[in-house]
PDB file of all heavy atoms in Angstrom:
ATOM      1  N   ALA A   1       3.669  -5.744  -3.871  1.00  0.00           N
ATOM      2  CA  ALA A   1       2.657  -6.376  -3.060  1.00  0.00           C
ATOM      3  C   ALA A   1       3.294  -6.783  -1.729  1.00  0.00           C
ATOM      4  O   ALA A   1       2.650  -6.478  -0.618  1.00  0.00           O
ATOM      5  CB  ALA A   1       2.044  -7.578  -3.858  1.00  0.00           C
ATOM      6  N   ASP A   2       4.292  -7.557  -1.826  1.00  0.00           N
ATOM      7  CA  ASP A   2       4.818  -8.098  -0.523  1.00  0.00           C
ATOM      8  C   ASP A   2       5.304  -6.907   0.394  1.00  0.00           C
ATOM      9  O   ASP A   2       5.040  -6.901   1.494  1.00  0.00           O
ATOM     10  CB  ASP A   2       6.086  -8.920  -0.775  1.00  0.00           C
ATOM     11  CG  ASP A   2       5.770 -10.242  -1.375  1.00  0.00           C
ATOM     12  OD1 ASP A   2       4.573 -10.645  -1.482  1.00  0.00           O
ATOM     13  OD2 ASP A   2       6.624 -10.880  -1.919  1.00  0.00           O
ATOM     14  N   ALA A   3       6.035  -5.953  -0.207  1.00  0.00           N
ATOM     15  CA  ALA A   3       6.475  -4.767   0.522  1.00  0.00           C
ATOM     16  C   ALA A   3       5.317  -3.907   1.174  1.00  0.00           C
ATOM     17  O   ALA A   3       5.346  -3.567   2.275  1.00  0.00           O
ATOM     18  CB  ALA A   3       7.434  -3.739  -0.207  1.00  0.00           C
ATOM     19  N   ALA A   4       4.169  -3.802   0.314  1.00  0.00           N
ATOM     20  CA  ALA A   4       3.123  -3.089   0.879  1.00  0.00           C
ATOM     21  C   ALA A   4       2.428  -3.855   2.155  1.00  0.00           C
ATOM     22  O   ALA A   4       2.056  -3.141   3.121  1.00  0.00           O
ATOM     23  CB  ALA A   4       2.025  -2.990  -0.240  1.00  0.00           C
ATOM     24  N   TRP A   5       2.313  -5.177   2.000  1.00  0.00           N
ATOM     25  CA  TRP A   5       1.778  -5.874   3.165  1.00  0.00           C
ATOM     26  C   TRP A   5       2.629  -5.790   4.343  1.00  0.00           C
ATOM     27  O   TRP A   5       2.213  -5.647   5.467  1.00  0.00           O
ATOM     28  CB  TRP A   5       1.590  -7.371   2.727  1.00  0.00           C
ATOM     29  CG  TRP A   5       0.943  -8.213   3.907  1.00  0.00           C
ATOM     30  CD1 TRP A   5       1.601  -9.080   4.709  1.00  0.00           C
ATOM     31  CD2 TRP A   5      -0.399  -8.048   4.199  1.00  0.00           C
ATOM     32  NE1 TRP A   5       0.639  -9.517   5.524  1.00  0.00           N
ATOM     33  CE2 TRP A   5      -0.580  -9.072   5.321  1.00  0.00           C
ATOM     34  CE3 TRP A   5      -1.506  -7.328   3.777  1.00  0.00           C
ATOM     35  CZ2 TRP A   5      -1.846  -9.128   5.992  1.00  0.00           C
ATOM     36  CZ3 TRP A   5      -2.746  -7.470   4.464  1.00  0.00           C
ATOM     37  CH2 TRP A   5      -2.910  -8.441   5.523  1.00  0.00           C
ATOM     38  N   PHE A   6       4.082  -5.827   4.202  1.00  0.00           N
ATOM     39  CA  PHE A   6       4.969  -5.648   5.270  1.00  0.00           C
ATOM     40  C   PHE A   6       4.720  -4.324   5.961  1.00  0.00           C
ATOM     41  O   PHE A   6       4.729  -4.244   7.261  1.00  0.00           O
ATOM     42  CB  PHE A   6       6.354  -5.855   4.813  1.00  0.00           C
ATOM     43  CG  PHE A   6       6.675  -7.181   4.276  1.00  0.00           C
ATOM     44  CD1 PHE A   6       7.739  -7.379   3.377  1.00  0.00           C
ATOM     45  CD2 PHE A   6       5.992  -8.376   4.615  1.00  0.00           C
ATOM     46  CE1 PHE A   6       7.976  -8.700   2.857  1.00  0.00           C
ATOM     47  CE2 PHE A   6       6.291  -9.561   4.110  1.00  0.00           C
ATOM     48  CZ  PHE A   6       7.271  -9.782   3.252  1.00  0.00           C
ATOM     49  N   LEU A   7       4.694  -3.310   5.118  1.00  0.00           N
ATOM     50  CA  LEU A   7       4.403  -1.913   5.687  1.00  0.00           C
ATOM     51  C   LEU A   7       3.123  -1.875   6.404  1.00  0.00           C
ATOM     52  O   LEU A   7       3.025  -1.200   7.501  1.00  0.00           O
ATOM     53  CB  LEU A   7       4.494  -0.819   4.570  1.00  0.00           C
ATOM     54  CG  LEU A   7       5.832  -0.697   3.941  1.00  0.00           C
ATOM     55  CD1 LEU A   7       5.646   0.203   2.734  1.00  0.00           C
ATOM     56  CD2 LEU A   7       6.762   0.012   4.849  1.00  0.00           C
ATOM     57  N   HIS A   8       2.133  -2.482   5.946  1.00  0.00           N
ATOM     58  CA  HIS A   8       0.827  -2.533   6.645  1.00  0.00           C
ATOM     59  C   HIS A   8       0.981  -3.245   7.973  1.00  0.00           C
ATOM     60  O   HIS A   8       0.475  -2.645   8.984  1.00  0.00           O
ATOM     61  CB  HIS A   8      -0.246  -3.306   5.754  1.00  0.00           C
ATOM     62  CG  HIS A   8      -1.372  -3.844   6.526  1.00  0.00           C
ATOM     63  ND1 HIS A   8      -2.351  -2.970   7.044  1.00  0.00           N
ATOM     64  CD2 HIS A   8      -1.800  -5.124   6.776  1.00  0.00           C
ATOM     65  CE1 HIS A   8      -3.212  -3.644   7.639  1.00  0.00           C
ATOM     66  NE2 HIS A   8      -3.057  -4.972   7.447  1.00  0.00           N
ATOM     67  N   GLU A   9       1.650  -4.306   8.031  1.00  0.00           N
ATOM     68  CA  GLU A   9       1.805  -5.042   9.325  1.00  0.00           C
ATOM     69  C   GLU A   9       2.648  -4.299  10.283  1.00  0.00           C
ATOM     70  O   GLU A   9       2.433  -4.048  11.515  1.00  0.00           O
ATOM     71  CB  GLU A   9       2.355  -6.368   9.174  1.00  0.00           C
ATOM     72  CG  GLU A   9       1.474  -7.351   8.347  1.00  0.00           C
ATOM     73  CD  GLU A   9       2.094  -8.704   8.234  1.00  0.00           C
ATOM     74  OE1 GLU A   9       3.374  -8.810   7.947  1.00  0.00           O
ATOM     75  OE2 GLU A   9       1.311  -9.707   8.285  1.00  0.00           O
ATOM     76  N   LEU A  10       3.821  -3.664   9.771  1.00  0.00           N
ATOM     77  CA  LEU A  10       4.830  -3.052  10.628  1.00  0.00           C
ATOM     78  C   LEU A  10       4.313  -1.772  11.131  1.00  0.00           C
ATOM     79  O   LEU A  10       4.867  -1.263  12.148  1.00  0.00           O
ATOM     80  CB  LEU A  10       6.123  -2.886   9.792  1.00  0.00           C
ATOM     81  CG  LEU A  10       6.898  -4.109   9.408  1.00  0.00           C
ATOM     82  CD1 LEU A  10       8.006  -3.878   8.423  1.00  0.00           C
ATOM     83  CD2 LEU A  10       7.335  -4.881  10.700  1.00  0.00           C
ATOM     84  N   THR A  11       3.375  -1.071  10.578  1.00  0.00           N
ATOM     85  CA  THR A  11       2.949   0.264  10.976  1.00  0.00           C
ATOM     86  C   THR A  11       1.505   0.218  11.607  1.00  0.00           C
ATOM     87  O   THR A  11       0.969   1.193  12.028  1.00  0.00           O
ATOM     88  CB  THR A  11       2.899   1.169   9.876  1.00  0.00           C
ATOM     89  OG1 THR A  11       1.965   0.855   8.893  1.00  0.00           O
ATOM     90  CG2 THR A  11       4.175   1.400   9.246  1.00  0.00           C
ATOM     91  N   SER A  12       1.005  -1.077  11.789  1.00  0.00           N
ATOM     92  CA  SER A  12      -0.400  -1.175  12.290  1.00  0.00           C
ATOM     93  C   SER A  12      -0.725  -0.558  13.581  1.00  0.00           C
ATOM     94  O   SER A  12      -1.819  -0.157  13.927  1.00  0.00           O
ATOM     95  CB  SER A  12      -0.811  -2.697  12.311  1.00  0.00           C
ATOM     96  OG  SER A  12      -0.013  -3.375  13.194  1.00  0.00           O
ATOM     97  N   GLY A  13       0.321  -0.485  14.462  1.00  0.00           N
ATOM     98  CA  GLY A  13       0.064   0.249  15.813  1.00  0.00           C
ATOM     99  C   GLY A  13       0.438   1.601  15.888  1.00  0.00           C
ATOM    100  O   GLY A  13       0.332   2.287  16.962  1.00  0.00           O
ATOM    101  N   MET A  14       0.769   2.265  14.677  1.00  0.00           N
ATOM    102  CA  MET A  14       1.211   3.681  14.694  1.00  0.00           C
ATOM    103  C   MET A  14       0.086   4.537  14.253  1.00  0.00           C
ATOM    104  O   MET A  14      -0.780   4.175  13.487  1.00  0.00           O
ATOM    105  CB  MET A  14       2.406   3.808  13.676  1.00  0.00           C
ATOM    106  CG  MET A  14       3.591   3.054  14.092  1.00  0.00           C
ATOM    107  SD  MET A  14       4.968   3.336  12.812  1.00  0.00           S
ATOM    108  CE  MET A  14       6.190   2.280  13.398  1.00  0.00           C
ATOM    109  N   PRO A  15       0.056   5.749  14.816  1.00  0.00           N
ATOM    110  CA  PRO A  15      -1.054   6.743  14.530  1.00  0.00           C
ATOM    111  C   PRO A  15      -0.753   7.520  13.229  1.00  0.00           C
ATOM    112  O   PRO A  15      -0.450   8.604  13.217  1.00  0.00           O
ATOM    113  CB  PRO A  15      -1.058   7.647  15.668  1.00  0.00           C
ATOM    114  CG  PRO A  15       0.298   7.660  16.203  1.00  0.00           C
ATOM    115  CD  PRO A  15       0.924   6.292  15.929  1.00  0.00           C
ATOM    116  N   LEU A  16      -0.766   6.732  12.125  1.00  0.00           N
ATOM    117  CA  LEU A  16      -0.381   7.374  10.809  1.00  0.00           C
ATOM    118  C   LEU A  16      -1.503   8.339  10.447  1.00  0.00           C
ATOM    119  O   LEU A  16      -2.749   8.032  10.648  1.00  0.00           O
ATOM    120  CB  LEU A  16      -0.210   6.291   9.772  1.00  0.00           C
ATOM    121  CG  LEU A  16       0.861   5.227   9.937  1.00  0.00           C
ATOM    122  CD1 LEU A  16       0.849   4.222   8.764  1.00  0.00           C
ATOM    123  CD2 LEU A  16       2.194   5.843  10.068  1.00  0.00           C
ATOM    124  N   ARG A  17      -1.137   9.428   9.797  1.00  0.00           N
ATOM    125  CA  ARG A  17      -2.008  10.364   9.175  1.00  0.00           C
ATOM    126  C   ARG A  17      -2.425   9.847   7.742  1.00  0.00           C
ATOM    127  O   ARG A  17      -3.571  10.146   7.272  1.00  0.00           O
ATOM    128  CB  ARG A  17      -1.500  11.736   9.125  1.00  0.00           C
ATOM    129  CG  ARG A  17      -1.384  12.415  10.549  1.00  0.00           C
ATOM    130  CD  ARG A  17      -1.112  13.876  10.430  1.00  0.00           C
ATOM    131  NE  ARG A  17       0.194  14.167   9.799  1.00  0.00           N
ATOM    132  CZ  ARG A  17       0.391  14.761   8.613  1.00  0.00           C
ATOM    133  NH1 ARG A  17      -0.631  15.080   7.910  1.00  0.00           N
ATOM    134  NH2 ARG A  17       1.655  15.050   8.239  1.00  0.00           N
ATOM    135  N   PHE A  18      -1.561   9.248   7.023  1.00  0.00           N
ATOM    136  CA  PHE A  18      -1.829   8.757   5.745  1.00  0.00           C
ATOM    137  C   PHE A  18      -0.960   7.545   5.409  1.00  0.00           C
ATOM    138  O   PHE A  18       0.126   7.436   6.037  1.00  0.00           O
ATOM    139  CB  PHE A  18      -1.730   9.880   4.653  1.00  0.00           C
ATOM    140  CG  PHE A  18      -0.374  10.488   4.582  1.00  0.00           C
ATOM    141  CD1 PHE A  18       0.663   9.993   3.946  1.00  0.00           C
ATOM    142  CD2 PHE A  18      -0.305  11.817   5.238  1.00  0.00           C
ATOM    143  CE1 PHE A  18       1.912  10.717   3.940  1.00  0.00           C
ATOM    144  CE2 PHE A  18       0.928  12.448   5.180  1.00  0.00           C
ATOM    145  CZ  PHE A  18       2.099  11.842   4.453  1.00  0.00           C
ATOM    146  N   PHE A  19      -1.447   6.778   4.530  1.00  0.00           N
ATOM    147  CA  PHE A  19      -0.792   5.523   4.074  1.00  0.00           C
ATOM    148  C   PHE A  19      -1.066   5.566   2.455  1.00  0.00           C
ATOM    149  O   PHE A  19      -2.147   5.010   2.115  1.00  0.00           O
ATOM    150  CB  PHE A  19      -1.312   4.309   4.762  1.00  0.00           C
ATOM    151  CG  PHE A  19      -0.535   3.062   4.513  1.00  0.00           C
ATOM    152  CD1 PHE A  19       0.468   2.586   5.371  1.00  0.00           C
ATOM    153  CD2 PHE A  19      -0.972   2.213   3.472  1.00  0.00           C
ATOM    154  CE1 PHE A  19       1.097   1.391   5.199  1.00  0.00           C
ATOM    155  CE2 PHE A  19      -0.267   1.051   3.201  1.00  0.00           C
ATOM    156  CZ  PHE A  19       0.744   0.605   4.100  1.00  0.00           C
ATOM    157  N   VAL A  20      -0.208   6.038   1.757  1.00  0.00           N
ATOM    158  CA  VAL A  20      -0.434   6.113   0.250  1.00  0.00           C
ATOM    159  C   VAL A  20       0.359   5.116  -0.490  1.00  0.00           C
ATOM    160  O   VAL A  20       1.535   4.969  -0.430  1.00  0.00           O
ATOM    161  CB  VAL A  20      -0.066   7.589  -0.206  1.00  0.00           C
ATOM    162  CG1 VAL A  20      -0.345   7.705  -1.726  1.00  0.00           C
ATOM    163  CG2 VAL A  20      -0.783   8.636   0.552  1.00  0.00           C
ATOM    164  N   LEU A  21      -0.398   4.439  -1.317  1.00  0.00           N
ATOM    165  CA  LEU A  21       0.148   3.308  -2.147  1.00  0.00           C
ATOM    166  C   LEU A  21       0.232   3.760  -3.611  1.00  0.00           C
ATOM    167  O   LEU A  21      -0.865   4.180  -4.083  1.00  0.00           O
ATOM    168  CB  LEU A  21      -0.692   2.025  -1.996  1.00  0.00           C
ATOM    169  CG  LEU A  21      -0.800   1.446  -0.559  1.00  0.00           C
ATOM    170  CD1 LEU A  21      -1.859   0.416  -0.570  1.00  0.00           C
ATOM    171  CD2 LEU A  21       0.601   0.846  -0.177  1.00  0.00           C
ATOM    172  N   PHE A  22       1.367   3.778  -4.210  1.00  0.00           N
ATOM    173  CA  PHE A  22       1.306   4.090  -5.628  1.00  0.00           C
ATOM    174  C   PHE A  22       1.153   2.816  -6.410  1.00  0.00           C
ATOM    175  O   PHE A  22       1.948   2.079  -6.736  1.00  0.00           O
ATOM    176  CB  PHE A  22       2.801   4.682  -5.931  1.00  0.00           C
ATOM    177  CG  PHE A  22       2.955   6.150  -5.667  1.00  0.00           C
ATOM    178  CD1 PHE A  22       2.263   6.764  -4.748  1.00  0.00           C
ATOM    179  CD2 PHE A  22       3.754   6.927  -6.488  1.00  0.00           C
ATOM    180  CE1 PHE A  22       2.333   8.127  -4.444  1.00  0.00           C
ATOM    181  CE2 PHE A  22       3.860   8.299  -6.243  1.00  0.00           C
ATOM    182  CZ  PHE A  22       3.146   8.935  -5.251  1.00  0.00           C
ATOM    183  N   SER A  23      -0.050   2.819  -6.863  1.00  0.00           N
ATOM    184  CA  SER A  23      -0.583   1.718  -7.736  1.00  0.00           C
ATOM    185  C   SER A  23      -0.481   2.092  -9.228  1.00  0.00           C
ATOM    186  O   SER A  23       0.174   3.159  -9.501  1.00  0.00           O
ATOM    187  CB  SER A  23      -2.009   1.400  -7.338  1.00  0.00           C
ATOM    188  OG  SER A  23      -2.490   0.363  -8.165  1.00  0.00           O
ATOM    189  N   SER A  24      -1.077   1.331 -10.068  1.00  0.00           N
ATOM    190  CA  SER A  24      -0.910   1.676 -11.503  1.00  0.00           C
ATOM    191  C   SER A  24      -2.356   1.425 -12.204  1.00  0.00           C
ATOM    192  O   SER A  24      -3.091   0.611 -11.845  1.00  0.00           O
ATOM    193  CB  SER A  24       0.048   0.791 -12.148  1.00  0.00           C
ATOM    194  OG  SER A  24       0.024   0.806 -13.551  1.00  0.00           O
ATOM    195  N   LEU A  25      -2.453   2.176 -13.259  1.00  0.00           N
ATOM    196  CA  LEU A  25      -3.629   2.007 -14.119  1.00  0.00           C
ATOM    197  C   LEU A  25      -3.703   0.600 -14.704  1.00  0.00           C
ATOM    198  O   LEU A  25      -4.808   0.073 -15.007  1.00  0.00           O
ATOM    199  CB  LEU A  25      -3.564   3.012 -15.348  1.00  0.00           C
ATOM    200  CG  LEU A  25      -4.839   3.280 -16.103  1.00  0.00           C
ATOM    201  CD1 LEU A  25      -5.903   3.785 -15.203  1.00  0.00           C
ATOM    202  CD2 LEU A  25      -4.511   4.275 -17.157  1.00  0.00           C
ATOM    203  N   ALA A  26      -2.565  -0.075 -14.758  1.00  0.00           N
ATOM    204  CA  ALA A  26      -2.474  -1.416 -15.304  1.00  0.00           C
ATOM    205  C   ALA A  26      -3.420  -2.389 -14.426  1.00  0.00           C
ATOM    206  O   ALA A  26      -3.933  -3.352 -14.919  1.00  0.00           O
ATOM    207  CB  ALA A  26      -1.125  -1.969 -15.363  1.00  0.00           C
ATOM    208  N   GLY A  27      -3.481  -2.171 -13.196  1.00  0.00           N
ATOM    209  CA  GLY A  27      -4.318  -2.963 -12.236  1.00  0.00           C
ATOM    210  C   GLY A  27      -5.790  -2.729 -12.405  1.00  0.00           C
ATOM    211  O   GLY A  27      -6.599  -3.467 -12.013  1.00  0.00           O
ATOM    212  N   VAL A  28      -6.219  -1.632 -13.035  1.00  0.00           N
ATOM    213  CA  VAL A  28      -7.619  -1.324 -13.215  1.00  0.00           C
ATOM    214  C   VAL A  28      -8.108  -1.578 -14.596  1.00  0.00           C
ATOM    215  O   VAL A  28      -9.226  -2.212 -14.725  1.00  0.00           O
ATOM    216  CB  VAL A  28      -7.882   0.285 -12.962  1.00  0.00           C
ATOM    217  CG1 VAL A  28      -9.308   0.644 -13.118  1.00  0.00           C
ATOM    218  CG2 VAL A  28      -7.350   0.738 -11.501  1.00  0.00           C
ATOM    219  N   VAL A  29      -7.335  -1.248 -15.580  1.00  0.00           N
ATOM    220  CA  VAL A  29      -7.878  -1.531 -16.958  1.00  0.00           C
ATOM    221  C   VAL A  29      -6.953  -2.491 -17.681  1.00  0.00           C
ATOM    222  O   VAL A  29      -7.241  -2.826 -18.943  1.00  0.00           O
ATOM    223  CB  VAL A  29      -7.963  -0.259 -17.794  1.00  0.00           C
ATOM    224  CG1 VAL A  29      -8.978   0.745 -17.128  1.00  0.00           C
ATOM    225  CG2 VAL A  29      -6.629   0.521 -17.919  1.00  0.00           C
ATOM    226  N   GLY A  30      -5.806  -2.891 -17.000  1.00  0.00           N
ATOM    227  CA  GLY A  30      -4.997  -3.828 -17.868  1.00  0.00           C
ATOM    228  C   GLY A  30      -4.037  -3.104 -18.830  1.00  0.00           C
ATOM    229  O   GLY A  30      -4.299  -1.949 -19.123  1.00  0.00           O
ATOM    230  N   ASN A  31      -3.037  -3.690 -19.163  1.00  0.00           N
ATOM    231  CA  ASN A  31      -2.056  -3.235 -20.179  1.00  0.00           C
ATOM    232  C   ASN A  31      -1.398  -4.420 -20.780  1.00  0.00           C
ATOM    233  O   ASN A  31      -0.884  -5.319 -20.056  1.00  0.00           O
ATOM    234  CB  ASN A  31      -1.164  -2.252 -19.595  1.00  0.00           C
ATOM    235  CG  ASN A  31      -0.384  -1.487 -20.583  1.00  0.00           C
ATOM    236  OD1 ASN A  31      -0.809  -1.214 -21.691  1.00  0.00           O
ATOM    237  ND2 ASN A  31       0.822  -1.091 -20.293  1.00  0.00           N
TER     238      ASN A  31
END
């Protein structure tokens, strides 16, 4: 989470073509 937010802030001014986050099924249905 922290690293994802830092990447979001640090690249906010860049013309990115994609920003892919590797999440997990655990966040959707639990585990």
